Amino acid sequence: MEFSRFNRNKAFKPVIVDAAQLPKVLDREAKGVVLNIMGVNLPLAVNRPAPAPQDPAARAQAAADQAIAAAASAALQRQAAEKKNSEEA
């Protein structure tokens, strides 16, 4: 109903898209979407994954950075679990 008000000249076409597929469907310059549910505008930012580096050295560095981040996350989770266990004892 609301969509048809702004599309009187039939310039746009509604599309049903899963949230995970939304960044692939949107134009590269789009910064987000606005859902209008029952007359309430809900602006949502679009997060696009960074393109994978093509250079082998850059790919290796990205993999190393990801491994370091995963190790740091695991260490923080382990510390939190140990703290929780010591508080319960």
PDB file of N, CA and C in Angstrom:
ATOM      1  N   MET A   1       0.817  -1.186   0.000  1.00  0.00           N
ATOM      2  CA  MET A   1       0.000   0.000   0.000  1.00  0.00           C
ATOM      3  C   MET A   1       0.870   1.262   0.000  1.00  0.00           C
ATOM      4  N   GLU A   2       1.773   1.355   0.963  1.00  0.00           N
ATOM      5  CA  GLU A   2       2.660   2.513   1.076  1.00  0.00           C
ATOM      6  C   GLU A   2       3.576   2.598  -0.147  1.00  0.00           C
ATOM      7  N   PHE A   3       4.081   1.466  -0.579  1.00  0.00           N
ATOM      8  CA  PHE A   3       4.978   1.420  -1.728  1.00  0.00           C
ATOM      9  C   PHE A   3       4.289   1.962  -2.981  1.00  0.00           C
ATOM     10  N   SER A   4       3.050   1.596  -3.195  1.00  0.00           N
ATOM     11  CA  SER A   4       2.335   2.036  -4.396  1.00  0.00           C
ATOM     12  C   SER A   4       2.110   3.549  -4.408  1.00  0.00           C
ATOM     13  N   ARG A   5       2.036   4.171  -3.237  1.00  0.00           N
ATOM     14  CA  ARG A   5       1.897   5.633  -3.172  1.00  0.00           C
ATOM     15  C   ARG A   5       3.082   6.336  -3.798  1.00  0.00           C
ATOM     16  N   PHE A   6       4.276   5.780  -3.595  1.00  0.00           N
ATOM     17  CA  PHE A   6       5.501   6.402  -4.095  1.00  0.00           C
ATOM     18  C   PHE A   6       5.929   5.850  -5.445  1.00  0.00           C
ATOM     19  N   ASN A   7       5.199   4.913  -5.975  1.00  0.00           N
ATOM     20  CA  ASN A   7       5.551   4.280  -7.240  1.00  0.00           C
ATOM     21  C   ASN A   7       4.417   4.416  -8.247  1.00  0.00           C
ATOM     22  N   ARG A   8       3.853   5.594  -8.339  1.00  0.00           N
ATOM     23  CA  ARG A   8       2.703   5.806  -9.231  1.00  0.00           C
ATOM     24  C   ARG A   8       3.049   5.601 -10.697  1.00  0.00           C
ATOM     25  N   ASN A   9       4.296   5.924 -11.082  1.00  0.00           N
ATOM     26  CA  ASN A   9       4.670   5.773 -12.491  1.00  0.00           C
ATOM     27  C   ASN A   9       5.318   4.413 -12.775  1.00  0.00           C
ATOM     28  N   LYS A  10       5.240   3.495 -11.842  1.00  0.00           N
ATOM     29  CA  LYS A  10       5.741   2.116 -11.995  1.00  0.00           C
ATOM     30  C   LYS A  10       7.239   2.072 -12.313  1.00  0.00           C
ATOM     31  N   ALA A  11       8.004   2.981 -11.703  1.00  0.00           N
ATOM     32  CA  ALA A  11       9.449   3.021 -11.941  1.00  0.00           C
ATOM     33  C   ALA A  11      10.188   1.977 -11.102  1.00  0.00           C
ATOM     34  N   PHE A  12       9.580   1.519 -10.014  1.00  0.00           N
ATOM     35  CA  PHE A  12      10.236   0.585  -9.110  1.00  0.00           C
ATOM     36  C   PHE A  12       9.467  -0.727  -9.065  1.00  0.00           C
ATOM     37  N   LYS A  13      10.158  -1.772  -8.613  1.00  0.00           N
ATOM     38  CA  LYS A  13       9.530  -3.075  -8.518  1.00  0.00           C
ATOM     39  C   LYS A  13       9.830  -3.645  -7.135  1.00  0.00           C
ATOM     40  N   PRO A  14       8.824  -4.076  -6.382  1.00  0.00           N
ATOM     41  CA  PRO A  14       9.103  -4.655  -5.061  1.00  0.00           C
ATOM     42  C   PRO A  14       9.769  -6.025  -5.212  1.00  0.00           C
ATOM     43  N   VAL A  15      10.648  -6.331  -4.273  1.00  0.00           N
ATOM     44  CA  VAL A  15      11.370  -7.595  -4.294  1.00  0.00           C
ATOM     45  C   VAL A  15      11.400  -8.167  -2.886  1.00  0.00           C
ATOM     46  N   ILE A  16      11.220  -9.467  -2.775  1.00  0.00           N
ATOM     47  CA  ILE A  16      11.349 -10.151  -1.481  1.00  0.00           C
ATOM     48  C   ILE A  16      12.727 -10.807  -1.468  1.00  0.00           C
ATOM     49  N   VAL A  17      13.542 -10.424  -0.479  1.00  0.00           N
ATOM     50  CA  VAL A  17      14.920 -10.890  -0.412  1.00  0.00           C
ATOM     51  C   VAL A  17      15.238 -11.279   1.024  1.00  0.00           C
ATOM     52  N   ASP A  18      15.941 -12.407   1.201  1.00  0.00           N
ATOM     53  CA  ASP A  18      16.430 -12.767   2.529  1.00  0.00           C
ATOM     54  C   ASP A  18      17.448 -11.727   2.975  1.00  0.00           C
ATOM     55  N   ALA A  19      17.543 -11.494   4.275  1.00  0.00           N
ATOM     56  CA  ALA A  19      18.463 -10.489   4.795  1.00  0.00           C
ATOM     57  C   ALA A  19      19.905 -10.778   4.388  1.00  0.00           C
ATOM     58  N   ALA A  20      20.303 -12.034   4.349  1.00  0.00           N
ATOM     59  CA  ALA A  20      21.675 -12.383   3.994  1.00  0.00           C
ATOM     60  C   ALA A  20      21.992 -12.028   2.538  1.00  0.00           C
ATOM     61  N   GLN A  21      20.994 -12.010   1.672  1.00  0.00           N
ATOM     62  CA  GLN A  21      21.197 -11.726   0.252  1.00  0.00           C
ATOM     63  C   GLN A  21      21.064 -10.239  -0.071  1.00  0.00           C
ATOM     64  N   LEU A  22      20.625  -9.439   0.872  1.00  0.00           N
ATOM     65  CA  LEU A  22      20.363  -8.023   0.625  1.00  0.00           C
ATOM     66  C   LEU A  22      21.581  -7.255   0.105  1.00  0.00           C
ATOM     67  N   PRO A  23      22.769  -7.413   0.682  1.00  0.00           N
ATOM     68  CA  PRO A  23      23.917  -6.664   0.144  1.00  0.00           C
ATOM     69  C   PRO A  23      24.226  -6.996  -1.314  1.00  0.00           C
ATOM     70  N   LYS A  24      23.905  -8.202  -1.749  1.00  0.00           N
ATOM     71  CA  LYS A  24      24.168  -8.583  -3.141  1.00  0.00           C
ATOM     72  C   LYS A  24      23.178  -7.931  -4.096  1.00  0.00           C
ATOM     73  N   VAL A  25      21.973  -7.654  -3.630  1.00  0.00           N
ATOM     74  CA  VAL A  25      20.914  -7.105  -4.474  1.00  0.00           C
ATOM     75  C   VAL A  25      21.014  -5.585  -4.593  1.00  0.00           C
ATOM     76  N   LEU A  26      21.462  -4.933  -3.531  1.00  0.00           N
ATOM     77  CA  LEU A  26      21.519  -3.473  -3.515  1.00  0.00           C
ATOM     78  C   LEU A  26      22.622  -2.925  -4.403  1.00  0.00           C
ATOM     79  N   ASP A  27      22.448  -1.703  -4.847  1.00  0.00           N
ATOM     80  CA  ASP A  27      23.466  -0.985  -5.596  1.00  0.00           C
ATOM     81  C   ASP A  27      24.683  -0.781  -4.697  1.00  0.00           C
ATOM     82  N   ARG A  28      25.866  -0.716  -5.302  1.00  0.00           N
ATOM     83  CA  ARG A  28      27.100  -0.547  -4.511  1.00  0.00           C
ATOM     84  C   ARG A  28      27.105   0.739  -3.693  1.00  0.00           C
ATOM     85  N   GLU A  29      26.443   1.775  -4.184  1.00  0.00           N
ATOM     86  CA  GLU A  29      26.437   3.055  -3.491  1.00  0.00           C
ATOM     87  C   GLU A  29      25.402   3.129  -2.370  1.00  0.00           C
ATOM     88  N   ALA A  30      24.507   2.154  -2.298  1.00  0.00           N
ATOM     89  CA  ALA A  30      23.475   2.172  -1.255  1.00  0.00           C
ATOM     90  C   ALA A  30      24.128   2.002   0.110  1.00  0.00           C
ATOM     91  N   LYS A  31      23.718   2.840   1.050  1.00  0.00           N
ATOM     92  CA  LYS A  31      24.271   2.781   2.397  1.00  0.00           C
ATOM     93  C   LYS A  31      23.346   2.060   3.355  1.00  0.00           C
ATOM     94  N   GLY A  32      22.119   1.803   2.912  1.00  0.00           N
ATOM     95  CA  GLY A  32      21.179   1.117   3.784  1.00  0.00           C
ATOM     96  C   GLY A  32      19.816   0.996   3.147  1.00  0.00           C
ATOM     97  N   VAL A  33      18.885   0.521   3.929  1.00  0.00           N
ATOM     98  CA  VAL A  33      17.498   0.379   3.487  1.00  0.00           C
ATOM     99  C   VAL A  33      16.602   0.915   4.592  1.00  0.00           C
ATOM    100  N   VAL A  34      15.384   1.246   4.227  1.00  0.00           N
ATOM    101  CA  VAL A  34      14.407   1.682   5.217  1.00  0.00           C
ATOM    102  C   VAL A  34      13.204   0.762   5.100  1.00  0.00           C
ATOM    103  N   LEU A  35      12.918   0.066   6.185  1.00  0.00           N
ATOM    104  CA  LEU A  35      11.715  -0.748   6.246  1.00  0.00           C
ATOM    105  C   LEU A  35      10.607   0.129   6.795  1.00  0.00           C
ATOM    106  N   ASN A  36       9.456   0.052   6.188  1.00  0.00           N
ATOM    107  CA  ASN A  36       8.325   0.831   6.671  1.00  0.00           C
ATOM    108  C   ASN A  36       7.252  -0.171   7.099  1.00  0.00           C
ATOM    109  N   ILE A  37       7.284  -0.494   8.379  1.00  0.00           N
ATOM    110  CA  ILE A  37       6.365  -1.489   8.916  1.00  0.00           C
ATOM    111  C   ILE A  37       5.254  -0.753   9.656  1.00  0.00           C
ATOM    112  N   MET A  38       4.041  -0.882   9.146  1.00  0.00           N
ATOM    113  CA  MET A  38       2.872  -0.259   9.777  1.00  0.00           C
ATOM    114  C   MET A  38       3.069   1.248   9.962  1.00  0.00           C
ATOM    115  N   GLY A  39       3.739   1.900   8.995  1.00  0.00           N
ATOM    116  CA  GLY A  39       3.910   3.343   9.042  1.00  0.00           C
ATOM    117  C   GLY A  39       5.058   3.823   9.898  1.00  0.00           C
ATOM    118  N   VAL A  40       5.857   2.904  10.456  1.00  0.00           N
ATOM    119  CA  VAL A  40       7.008   3.282  11.273  1.00  0.00           C
ATOM    120  C   VAL A  40       8.260   3.033  10.451  1.00  0.00           C
ATOM    121  N   ASN A  41       9.021   4.091  10.162  1.00  0.00           N
ATOM    122  CA  ASN A  41      10.255   3.944   9.381  1.00  0.00           C
ATOM    123  C   ASN A  41      11.348   3.344  10.255  1.00  0.00           C
ATOM    124  N   LEU A  42      11.972   2.284   9.760  1.00  0.00           N
ATOM    125  CA  LEU A  42      13.047   1.612  10.470  1.00  0.00           C
ATOM    126  C   LEU A  42      14.276   1.588   9.571  1.00  0.00           C
ATOM    127  N   PRO A  43      15.196   2.572   9.729  1.00  0.00           N
ATOM    128  CA  PRO A  43      16.395   2.593   8.873  1.00  0.00           C
ATOM    129  C   PRO A  43      17.398   1.537   9.317  1.00  0.00           C
ATOM    130  N   LEU A  44      17.967   0.817   8.358  1.00  0.00           N
ATOM    131  CA  LEU A  44      18.954  -0.221   8.635  1.00  0.00           C
ATOM    132  C   LEU A  44      20.184   0.018   7.766  1.00  0.00           C
ATOM    133  N   ALA A  45      21.359  -0.002   8.387  1.00  0.00           N
ATOM    134  CA  ALA A  45      22.612   0.131   7.641  1.00  0.00           C
ATOM    135  C   ALA A  45      22.940  -1.203   6.988  1.00  0.00           C
ATOM    136  N   VAL A  46      23.615  -1.156   5.855  1.00  0.00           N
ATOM    137  CA  VAL A  46      24.018  -2.365   5.153  1.00  0.00           C
ATOM    138  C   VAL A  46      25.508  -2.574   5.399  1.00  0.00           C
ATOM    139  N   ASN A  47      25.854  -3.723   5.944  1.00  0.00           N
ATOM    140  CA  ASN A  47      27.258  -4.077   6.163  1.00  0.00           C
ATOM    141  C   ASN A  47      27.695  -5.015   5.053  1.00  0.00           C
ATOM    142  N   ARG A  48      28.678  -4.579   4.303  1.00  0.00           N
ATOM    143  CA  ARG A  48      29.203  -5.409   3.218  1.00  0.00           C
ATOM    144  C   ARG A  48      30.562  -5.965   3.636  1.00  0.00           C
ATOM    145  N   PRO A  49      30.785  -7.254   3.390  1.00  0.00           N
ATOM    146  CA  PRO A  49      32.102  -7.802   3.717  1.00  0.00           C
ATOM    147  C   PRO A  49      33.177  -7.189   2.830  1.00  0.00           C
ATOM    148  N   ALA A  50      34.353  -7.025   3.394  1.00  0.00           N
ATOM    149  CA  ALA A  50      35.474  -6.476   2.624  1.00  0.00           C
ATOM    150  C   ALA A  50      35.886  -7.492   1.568  1.00  0.00           C
ATOM    151  N   PRO A  51      36.247  -7.019   0.375  1.00  0.00           N
ATOM    152  CA  PRO A  51      36.672  -7.963  -0.666  1.00  0.00           C
ATOM    153  C   PRO A  51      37.942  -8.690  -0.247  1.00  0.00           C
ATOM    154  N   ALA A  52      38.034  -9.949  -0.617  1.00  0.00           N
ATOM    155  CA  ALA A  52      39.207 -10.755  -0.285  1.00  0.00           C
ATOM    156  C   ALA A  52      40.409 -10.253  -1.070  1.00  0.00           C
ATOM    157  N   PRO A  53      41.550 -10.110  -0.413  1.00  0.00           N
ATOM    158  CA  PRO A  53      42.743  -9.646  -1.130  1.00  0.00           C
ATOM    159  C   PRO A  53      43.200 -10.686  -2.153  1.00  0.00           C
ATOM    160  N   GLN A  54      43.653 -10.210  -3.305  1.00  0.00           N
ATOM    161  CA  GLN A  54      44.111 -11.097  -4.374  1.00  0.00           C
ATOM    162  C   GLN A  54      45.596 -11.442  -4.235  1.00  0.00           C
ATOM    163  N   ASP A  55      46.346 -10.555  -3.613  1.00  0.00           N
ATOM    164  CA  ASP A  55      47.784 -10.756  -3.439  1.00  0.00           C
ATOM    165  C   ASP A  55      48.015 -11.881  -2.423  1.00  0.00           C
ATOM    166  N   PRO A  56      48.855 -12.889  -2.746  1.00  0.00           N
ATOM    167  CA  PRO A  56      49.095 -13.997  -1.814  1.00  0.00           C
ATOM    168  C   PRO A  56      49.636 -13.536  -0.459  1.00  0.00           C
ATOM    169  N   ALA A  57      50.504 -12.540  -0.459  1.00  0.00           N
ATOM    170  CA  ALA A  57      51.050 -12.045   0.804  1.00  0.00           C
ATOM    171  C   ALA A  57      49.962 -11.374   1.633  1.00  0.00           C
ATOM    172  N   ALA A  58      49.108 -10.605   0.967  1.00  0.00           N
ATOM    173  CA  ALA A  58      48.004  -9.948   1.682  1.00  0.00           C
ATOM    174  C   ALA A  58      47.023 -10.988   2.202  1.00  0.00           C
ATOM    175  N   ARG A  59      46.774 -12.054   1.422  1.00  0.00           N
ATOM    176  CA  ARG A  59      45.877 -13.122   1.867  1.00  0.00           C
ATOM    177  C   ARG A  59      46.451 -13.825   3.092  1.00  0.00           C
ATOM    178  N   ALA A  60      47.774 -14.072   3.084  1.00  0.00           N
ATOM    179  CA  ALA A  60      48.429 -14.711   4.222  1.00  0.00           C
ATOM    180  C   ALA A  60      48.350 -13.820   5.456  1.00  0.00           C
ATOM    181  N   GLN A  61      48.542 -12.503   5.266  1.00  0.00           N
ATOM    182  CA  GLN A  61      48.450 -11.572   6.389  1.00  0.00           C
ATOM    183  C   GLN A  61      47.033 -11.527   6.944  1.00  0.00           C
ATOM    184  N   ALA A  62      46.037 -11.539   6.061  1.00  0.00           N
ATOM    185  CA  ALA A  62      44.642 -11.534   6.513  1.00  0.00           C
ATOM    186  C   ALA A  62      44.319 -12.803   7.293  1.00  0.00           C
ATOM    187  N   ALA A  63      44.832 -13.949   6.835  1.00  0.00           N
ATOM    188  CA  ALA A  63      44.610 -15.209   7.546  1.00  0.00           C
ATOM    189  C   ALA A  63      45.288 -15.182   8.910  1.00  0.00           C
ATOM    190  N   ALA A  64      46.500 -14.620   8.971  1.00  0.00           N
ATOM    191  CA  ALA A  64      47.208 -14.517  10.244  1.00  0.00           C
ATOM    192  C   ALA A  64      46.460 -13.593  11.202  1.00  0.00           C
ATOM    193  N   ASP A  65      45.966 -12.465  10.689  1.00  0.00           N
ATOM    194  CA  ASP A  65      45.197 -11.537  11.527  1.00  0.00           C
ATOM    195  C   ASP A  65      43.931 -12.209  12.061  1.00  0.00           C
ATOM    196  N   GLN A  66      43.266 -12.992  11.210  1.00  0.00           N
ATOM    197  CA  GLN A  66      42.052 -13.687  11.637  1.00  0.00           C
ATOM    198  C   GLN A  66      42.388 -14.730  12.707  1.00  0.00           C
ATOM    199  N   ALA A  67      43.498 -15.438  12.556  1.00  0.00           N
ATOM    200  CA  ALA A  67      43.905 -16.437  13.544  1.00  0.00           C
ATOM    201  C   ALA A  67      44.219 -15.776  14.885  1.00  0.00           C
ATOM    202  N   ILE A  68      44.883 -14.626  14.842  1.00  0.00           N
ATOM    203  CA  ILE A  68      45.210 -13.897  16.078  1.00  0.00           C
ATOM    204  C   ILE A  68      43.928 -13.434  16.769  1.00  0.00           C
ATOM    205  N   ALA A  69      42.989 -12.923  15.992  1.00  0.00           N
ATOM    206  CA  ALA A  69      41.715 -12.467  16.568  1.00  0.00           C
ATOM    207  C   ALA A  69      40.951 -13.633  17.186  1.00  0.00           C
ATOM    208  N   ALA A  70      40.957 -14.786  16.519  1.00  0.00           N
ATOM    209  CA  ALA A  70      40.264 -15.961  17.054  1.00  0.00           C
ATOM    210  C   ALA A  70      40.924 -16.429  18.346  1.00  0.00           C
ATOM    211  N   ALA A  71      42.264 -16.427  18.390  1.00  0.00           N
ATOM    212  CA  ALA A  71      42.980 -16.836  19.592  1.00  0.00           C
ATOM    213  C   ALA A  71      42.708 -15.878  20.746  1.00  0.00           C
ATOM    214  N   ALA A  72      42.680 -14.588  20.449  1.00  0.00           N
ATOM    215  CA  ALA A  72      42.393 -13.593  21.489  1.00  0.00           C
ATOM    216  C   ALA A  72      40.981 -13.764  22.013  1.00  0.00           C
ATOM    217  N   SER A  73      40.040 -14.014  21.133  1.00  0.00           N
ATOM    218  CA  SER A  73      38.655 -14.227  21.548  1.00  0.00           C
ATOM    219  C   SER A  73      38.534 -15.464  22.425  1.00  0.00           C
ATOM    220  N   ALA A  74      39.214 -16.537  22.038  1.00  0.00           N
ATOM    221  CA  ALA A  74      39.182 -17.772  22.835  1.00  0.00           C
ATOM    222  C   ALA A  74      39.796 -17.541  24.205  1.00  0.00           C
ATOM    223  N   ALA A  75      40.892 -16.778  24.258  1.00  0.00           N
ATOM    224  CA  ALA A  75      41.540 -16.497  25.542  1.00  0.00           C
ATOM    225  C   ALA A  75      40.619 -15.690  26.449  1.00  0.00           C
ATOM    226  N   LEU A  76      39.924 -14.702  25.886  1.00  0.00           N
ATOM    227  CA  LEU A  76      38.998 -13.900  26.689  1.00  0.00           C
ATOM    228  C   LEU A  76      37.836 -14.751  27.203  1.00  0.00           C
ATOM    229  N   GLN A  77      37.324 -15.638  26.355  1.00  0.00           N
ATOM    230  CA  GLN A  77      36.242 -16.521  26.789  1.00  0.00           C
ATOM    231  C   GLN A  77      36.715 -17.460  27.891  1.00  0.00           C
ATOM    232  N   ARG A  78      37.940 -17.975  27.765  1.00  0.00           N
ATOM    233  CA  ARG A  78      38.494 -18.869  28.784  1.00  0.00           C
ATOM    234  C   ARG A  78      38.664 -18.124  30.101  1.00  0.00           C
ATOM    235  N   GLN A  79      39.166 -16.884  30.047  1.00  0.00           N
ATOM    236  CA  GLN A  79      39.336 -16.096  31.258  1.00  0.00           C
ATOM    237  C   GLN A  79      37.999 -15.824  31.926  1.00  0.00           C
ATOM    238  N   ALA A  80      36.992 -15.509  31.136  1.00  0.00           N
ATOM    239  CA  ALA A  80      35.661 -15.246  31.699  1.00  0.00           C
ATOM    240  C   ALA A  80      35.098 -16.499  32.349  1.00  0.00           C
ATOM    241  N   ALA A  81      35.291 -17.647  31.724  1.00  0.00           N
ATOM    242  CA  ALA A  81      34.795 -18.907  32.296  1.00  0.00           C
ATOM    243  C   ALA A  81      35.530 -19.232  33.587  1.00  0.00           C
ATOM    244  N   GLU A  82      36.855 -19.023  33.614  1.00  0.00           N
ATOM    245  CA  GLU A  82      37.632 -19.283  34.831  1.00  0.00           C
ATOM    246  C   GLU A  82      37.203 -18.353  35.950  1.00  0.00           C
ATOM    247  N   LYS A  83      36.959 -17.103  35.635  1.00  0.00           N
ATOM    248  CA  LYS A  83      36.519 -16.137  36.651  1.00  0.00           C
ATOM    249  C   LYS A  83      35.157 -16.538  37.198  1.00  0.00           C
ATOM    250  N   LYS A  84      34.256 -16.948  36.310  1.00  0.00           N
ATOM    251  CA  LYS A  84      32.916 -17.369  36.731  1.00  0.00           C
ATOM    252  C   LYS A  84      33.010 -18.596  37.626  1.00  0.00           C
ATOM    253  N   ASN A  85      33.862 -19.555  37.262  1.00  0.00           N
ATOM    254  CA  ASN A  85      34.028 -20.770  38.063  1.00  0.00           C
ATOM    255  C   ASN A  85      34.608 -20.467  39.431  1.00  0.00           C
ATOM    256  N   SER A  86      35.567 -19.539  39.487  1.00  0.00           N
ATOM    257  CA  SER A  86      36.196 -19.206  40.779  1.00  0.00           C
ATOM    258  C   SER A  86      35.206 -18.450  41.671  1.00  0.00           C
ATOM    259  N   GLU A  87      34.315 -17.658  41.079  1.00  0.00           N
ATOM    260  CA  GLU A  87      33.317 -16.947  41.869  1.00  0.00           C
ATOM    261  C   GLU A  87      32.255 -17.890  42.428  1.00  0.00           C
ATOM    262  N   GLU A  88      31.962 -18.958  41.678  1.00  0.00           N
ATOM    263  CA  GLU A  88      30.957 -19.922  42.118  1.00  0.00           C
ATOM    264  C   GLU A  88      31.496 -20.835  43.196  1.00  0.00           C
ATOM    265  N   ALA A  89      32.819 -21.009  43.255  1.00  0.00           N
ATOM    266  CA  ALA A  89      33.427 -21.934  44.232  1.00  0.00           C
ATOM    267  C   ALA A  89      33.542 -21.337  45.604  1.00  0.00           C
TER     268      ALA A  89
END
